Amino acid sequence: MKIITIPVTQFMQNCRIIVCEQTQQAVVVDPGGDVDKINTTLTQHNLSLSAIWLTHGHLDHVGGAHSLREQYNIKIIGPHKDERFWFDNLPMQATMFGFKPISAFYPDEWLAHGDTVQVGQLVFKILHCPGHTPGHVVFYQDTQSTVIVGDVIFKGSVGRTDFPKGDSKQLISSIQAHIMTLPLSTAILSGHGEDTDVANEKATNPFVSGQFG
């Protein structure tokens, strides 16, 4: 597995291109914008884009998804159906976050906890992790010890919960149940900032450290 990171939008959101090196098939996770940058990277690496995966519905994570769907004739997959609220309100988000106007659009498939998605020979398990948003999901690849977490947890921090339908207690519960229980060596690829791993966050993240035996 190869993962290419492309910071997009003024929020420097970590759009990820996941590549199955056996097949050269790829998916793009959270294409929040800067579609030209994403297209250039796909061309440079001679990749075949097979789907778009979304962790949640905030505009800096989904803003380029509909354009890519139309361009490549592929599906938008995820997040969880409880995220429909944020897709309904994409036009409002554009105003709230200072983006260009955008019309509402929706995923082709919603995801549920325990589902799997696949790119080439790589299978990812879906973990529903509400709190930052109600329908937030993460993508876990066990054989590669990697989890793509969107805005659930960051190096030394956790996602904001002051947006509509955010819930701080629910967020910490999600992290405790579904992220901190992964193997210590699991790489955590967040939606913003540096990558980290479970061991480091258990030891140093003030929001979750010291809460596990």
Foldseek 3Di string as FASTA:
>chain_A
DDKDWDQDDPQRWTWIWDADVVVLEIEIEQQLDPVVVVVVVCVVSVHQYAEYEYQAQQNSRCVCPVVVCVVNVHFYEDFAPQRVVSLCCQQVNCVVVVHDGDHRDDTPYYDDQQDWDDTDHFIWGWHQQAALARRGIWTHGQVVLEIEGEQLADQQGGHDQPPPRHHNVSSLVSCVVPFLPRDQARWYHYRDDDIDGNVNCCPHRPSHHPVDD
